[in-house]
Amino acid sequence: MTREGCHACAAALAELETILADYGLSPQVRDVDRLAEAGDPLPRAEYGDRVPVILLDGAEHGYWEVDGPRLRADLDARR
């Protein structure tokens, strides 16, 4: 979950792209404000004050920054 103009979101996305590439994956970026404008206010209500929020398999994995070692460990466990 992200927000346009969010520096921390851009940094997290760059780190996620690097990590996920090692697993043949790519991040799915969802802008909480755009979702709200499109009629889905729940993501902004849930995550808006903590973006960037990283979800793994639909569950919150972390927020504000990427915990690279933990993410890699969780991705390894999924293999």
N, C-alpha and C. Protein backbone atom coordinates (compact mmCIF):
# COMPACT_ATOMS: atom_id res chain seq x y z
N MET A 1 0.85 -1.16 0.00
CA MET A 1 0.00 0.00 0.00
C MET A 1 0.91 1.23 0.00
N THR A 2 0.53 2.18 -0.80
CA THR A 2 1.38 3.35 -1.00
C THR A 2 0.54 4.61 -1.15
N ARG A 3 1.24 5.70 -1.36
CA ARG A 3 0.57 6.99 -1.60
C ARG A 3 1.47 7.79 -2.54
N GLU A 4 0.88 8.43 -3.52
CA GLU A 4 1.64 9.24 -4.46
C GLU A 4 2.38 10.35 -3.70
N GLY A 5 3.64 10.57 -4.08
CA GLY A 5 4.44 11.61 -3.47
C GLY A 5 5.11 11.22 -2.17
N CYS A 6 4.97 9.98 -1.77
CA CYS A 6 5.53 9.49 -0.50
C CYS A 6 6.96 8.99 -0.74
N HIS A 7 7.93 9.70 -0.18
CA HIS A 7 9.34 9.33 -0.36
C HIS A 7 9.63 7.95 0.23
N ALA A 8 9.09 7.67 1.41
CA ALA A 8 9.30 6.36 2.03
C ALA A 8 8.70 5.25 1.18
N CYS A 9 7.58 5.54 0.52
CA CYS A 9 6.94 4.56 -0.35
C CYS A 9 7.83 4.24 -1.55
N ALA A 10 8.44 5.26 -2.13
CA ALA A 10 9.33 5.05 -3.27
C ALA A 10 10.55 4.23 -2.87
N ALA A 11 11.10 4.51 -1.70
CA ALA A 11 12.26 3.76 -1.21
C ALA A 11 11.88 2.31 -0.94
N ALA A 12 10.72 2.09 -0.33
CA ALA A 12 10.27 0.73 -0.04
C ALA A 12 10.02 -0.04 -1.33
N LEU A 13 9.44 0.61 -2.32
CA LEU A 13 9.17 -0.05 -3.59
C LEU A 13 10.48 -0.47 -4.25
N ALA A 14 11.49 0.38 -4.26
CA ALA A 14 12.77 0.03 -4.86
C ALA A 14 13.37 -1.18 -4.15
N GLU A 15 13.30 -1.21 -2.83
CA GLU A 15 13.84 -2.35 -2.08
C GLU A 15 13.03 -3.62 -2.34
N LEU A 16 11.71 -3.48 -2.40
CA LEU A 16 10.86 -4.63 -2.69
C LEU A 16 11.15 -5.20 -4.08
N GLU A 17 11.31 -4.32 -5.06
CA GLU A 17 11.60 -4.79 -6.41
C GLU A 17 12.88 -5.60 -6.44
N THR A 18 13.90 -5.16 -5.73
CA THR A 18 15.17 -5.87 -5.68
C THR A 18 15.01 -7.23 -5.03
N ILE A 19 14.36 -7.27 -3.88
CA ILE A 19 14.18 -8.54 -3.15
C ILE A 19 13.31 -9.49 -3.95
N LEU A 20 12.17 -9.01 -4.41
CA LEU A 20 11.22 -9.89 -5.10
C LEU A 20 11.76 -10.42 -6.41
N ALA A 21 12.62 -9.66 -7.07
CA ALA A 21 13.23 -10.14 -8.32
C ALA A 21 14.01 -11.43 -8.09
N ASP A 22 14.62 -11.56 -6.93
CA ASP A 22 15.35 -12.79 -6.60
C ASP A 22 14.43 -14.00 -6.52
N TYR A 23 13.14 -13.77 -6.39
CA TYR A 23 12.16 -14.86 -6.27
C TYR A 23 11.27 -14.95 -7.52
N GLY A 24 11.60 -14.17 -8.53
CA GLY A 24 10.79 -14.16 -9.74
C GLY A 24 9.43 -13.51 -9.54
N LEU A 25 9.35 -12.60 -8.57
CA LEU A 25 8.09 -11.92 -8.26
C LEU A 25 8.23 -10.43 -8.51
N SER A 26 7.10 -9.76 -8.57
CA SER A 26 7.10 -8.30 -8.67
C SER A 26 6.01 -7.77 -7.73
N PRO A 27 6.23 -6.59 -7.18
CA PRO A 27 5.25 -6.04 -6.24
C PRO A 27 3.98 -5.57 -6.94
N GLN A 28 2.89 -5.65 -6.24
CA GLN A 28 1.63 -5.08 -6.69
C GLN A 28 1.42 -3.81 -5.87
N VAL A 29 1.43 -2.68 -6.53
CA VAL A 29 1.34 -1.39 -5.85
C VAL A 29 -0.11 -0.92 -5.86
N ARG A 30 -0.59 -0.57 -4.68
CA ARG A 30 -1.95 -0.04 -4.54
C ARG A 30 -1.87 1.30 -3.80
N ASP A 31 -2.35 2.34 -4.43
CA ASP A 31 -2.36 3.68 -3.85
C ASP A 31 -3.64 3.84 -3.04
N VAL A 32 -3.50 4.06 -1.73
CA VAL A 32 -4.67 4.13 -0.86
C VAL A 32 -5.60 5.28 -1.22
N ASP A 33 -5.05 6.38 -1.69
CA ASP A 33 -5.88 7.53 -2.06
C ASP A 33 -6.64 7.28 -3.35
N ARG A 34 -5.99 6.66 -4.31
CA ARG A 34 -6.67 6.36 -5.58
C ARG A 34 -7.77 5.33 -5.36
N LEU A 35 -7.51 4.35 -4.49
CA LEU A 35 -8.56 3.37 -4.18
C LEU A 35 -9.76 4.06 -3.56
N ALA A 36 -9.51 5.00 -2.65
CA ALA A 36 -10.61 5.73 -2.01
C ALA A 36 -11.39 6.55 -3.03
N GLU A 37 -10.67 7.20 -3.94
CA GLU A 37 -11.34 7.99 -4.99
C GLU A 37 -12.18 7.11 -5.90
N ALA A 38 -11.77 5.85 -6.06
CA ALA A 38 -12.50 4.92 -6.92
C ALA A 38 -13.65 4.24 -6.18
N GLY A 39 -13.84 4.62 -4.91
CA GLY A 39 -14.97 4.08 -4.18
C GLY A 39 -14.64 3.04 -3.12
N ASP A 40 -13.37 2.79 -2.88
CA ASP A 40 -12.98 1.82 -1.86
C ASP A 40 -12.19 2.53 -0.76
N PRO A 41 -12.86 3.08 0.24
CA PRO A 41 -12.17 3.85 1.27
C PRO A 41 -11.47 3.00 2.34
N LEU A 42 -11.72 1.70 2.37
CA LEU A 42 -11.18 0.86 3.44
C LEU A 42 -9.66 0.81 3.49
N PRO A 43 -8.95 0.64 2.37
CA PRO A 43 -7.49 0.63 2.47
C PRO A 43 -6.91 1.93 3.04
N ARG A 44 -7.46 3.07 2.66
CA ARG A 44 -6.97 4.34 3.21
C ARG A 44 -7.26 4.42 4.70
N ALA A 45 -8.43 3.97 5.12
CA ALA A 45 -8.78 3.99 6.54
C ALA A 45 -7.86 3.06 7.33
N GLU A 46 -7.53 1.92 6.77
CA GLU A 46 -6.72 0.93 7.47
C GLU A 46 -5.23 1.26 7.43
N TYR A 47 -4.73 1.68 6.26
CA TYR A 47 -3.28 1.80 6.07
C TYR A 47 -2.79 3.23 5.85
N GLY A 48 -3.68 4.17 5.63
CA GLY A 48 -3.31 5.51 5.20
C GLY A 48 -2.32 6.23 6.10
N ASP A 49 -2.36 5.99 7.40
CA ASP A 49 -1.44 6.69 8.30
C ASP A 49 -0.13 5.94 8.50
N ARG A 50 0.02 4.79 7.81
CA ARG A 50 1.24 3.99 7.99
C ARG A 50 1.96 3.67 6.69
N VAL A 51 1.55 4.26 5.57
CA VAL A 51 2.19 3.92 4.29
C VAL A 51 3.67 4.25 4.33
N PRO A 52 4.48 3.46 3.67
CA PRO A 52 4.13 2.26 2.93
C PRO A 52 3.84 1.09 3.86
N VAL A 53 2.87 0.28 3.45
CA VAL A 53 2.53 -0.95 4.16
C VAL A 53 2.79 -2.10 3.21
N ILE A 54 3.51 -3.10 3.69
CA ILE A 54 3.84 -4.27 2.88
C ILE A 54 2.91 -5.39 3.30
N LEU A 55 2.21 -5.95 2.33
CA LEU A 55 1.34 -7.10 2.55
C LEU A 55 1.96 -8.32 1.89
N LEU A 56 1.88 -9.44 2.55
CA LEU A 56 2.35 -10.70 1.98
C LEU A 56 1.21 -11.68 2.08
N ASP A 57 0.76 -12.16 0.94
CA ASP A 57 -0.40 -13.06 0.89
C ASP A 57 -1.62 -12.42 1.56
N GLY A 58 -1.77 -11.12 1.40
CA GLY A 58 -2.93 -10.41 1.92
C GLY A 58 -2.85 -10.02 3.38
N ALA A 59 -1.79 -10.44 4.07
CA ALA A 59 -1.63 -10.11 5.49
C ALA A 59 -0.53 -9.06 5.64
N GLU A 60 -0.72 -8.18 6.60
CA GLU A 60 0.28 -7.14 6.83
C GLU A 60 1.60 -7.75 7.29
N HIS A 61 2.64 -7.41 6.56
CA HIS A 61 3.98 -7.92 6.87
C HIS A 61 4.84 -6.86 7.53
N GLY A 62 4.58 -5.61 7.25
CA GLY A 62 5.34 -4.52 7.85
C GLY A 62 4.87 -3.18 7.31
N TYR A 63 5.39 -2.13 7.92
CA TYR A 63 5.04 -0.79 7.46
C TYR A 63 6.19 0.16 7.71
N TRP A 64 6.16 1.28 7.01
CA TRP A 64 7.14 2.37 7.02
C TRP A 64 8.46 1.99 6.35
N GLU A 65 8.93 0.76 6.49
CA GLU A 65 10.14 0.31 5.79
C GLU A 65 10.08 -1.19 5.62
N VAL A 66 10.91 -1.69 4.72
CA VAL A 66 10.95 -3.12 4.42
C VAL A 66 11.96 -3.78 5.35
N ASP A 67 11.54 -4.83 6.03
CA ASP A 67 12.45 -5.65 6.83
C ASP A 67 12.95 -6.75 5.90
N GLY A 68 14.04 -6.44 5.18
CA GLY A 68 14.54 -7.33 4.15
C GLY A 68 14.83 -8.75 4.62
N PRO A 69 15.60 -8.93 5.69
CA PRO A 69 15.89 -10.30 6.14
C PRO A 69 14.62 -11.08 6.51
N ARG A 70 13.69 -10.43 7.18
CA ARG A 70 12.45 -11.11 7.55
C ARG A 70 11.62 -11.46 6.32
N LEU A 71 11.54 -10.53 5.37
CA LEU A 71 10.79 -10.79 4.14
C LEU A 71 11.41 -11.95 3.38
N ARG A 72 12.72 -11.96 3.25
CA ARG A 72 13.38 -13.07 2.56
C ARG A 72 13.12 -14.40 3.27
N ALA A 73 13.18 -14.39 4.58
CA ALA A 73 12.91 -15.62 5.34
C ALA A 73 11.48 -16.11 5.10
N ASP A 74 10.54 -15.18 5.09
CA ASP A 74 9.15 -15.57 4.86
C ASP A 74 8.93 -16.04 3.43
N LEU A 75 9.60 -15.43 2.48
CA LEU A 75 9.50 -15.86 1.09
C LEU A 75 10.17 -17.24 0.91
N ASP A 76 11.28 -17.45 1.58
CA ASP A 76 11.94 -18.76 1.52
C ASP A 76 11.03 -19.85 2.08
N ALA A 77 10.30 -19.54 3.14
CA ALA A 77 9.41 -20.52 3.77
C ALA A 77 8.24 -20.90 2.85
N ARG A 78 7.93 -20.03 1.89
CA ARG A 78 6.83 -20.31 0.96
C ARG A 78 7.24 -21.23 -0.18
N ARG A 79 8.53 -21.43 -0.35
CA ARG A 79 9.01 -22.24 -1.49
C ARG A 79 8.69 -23.69 -1.33
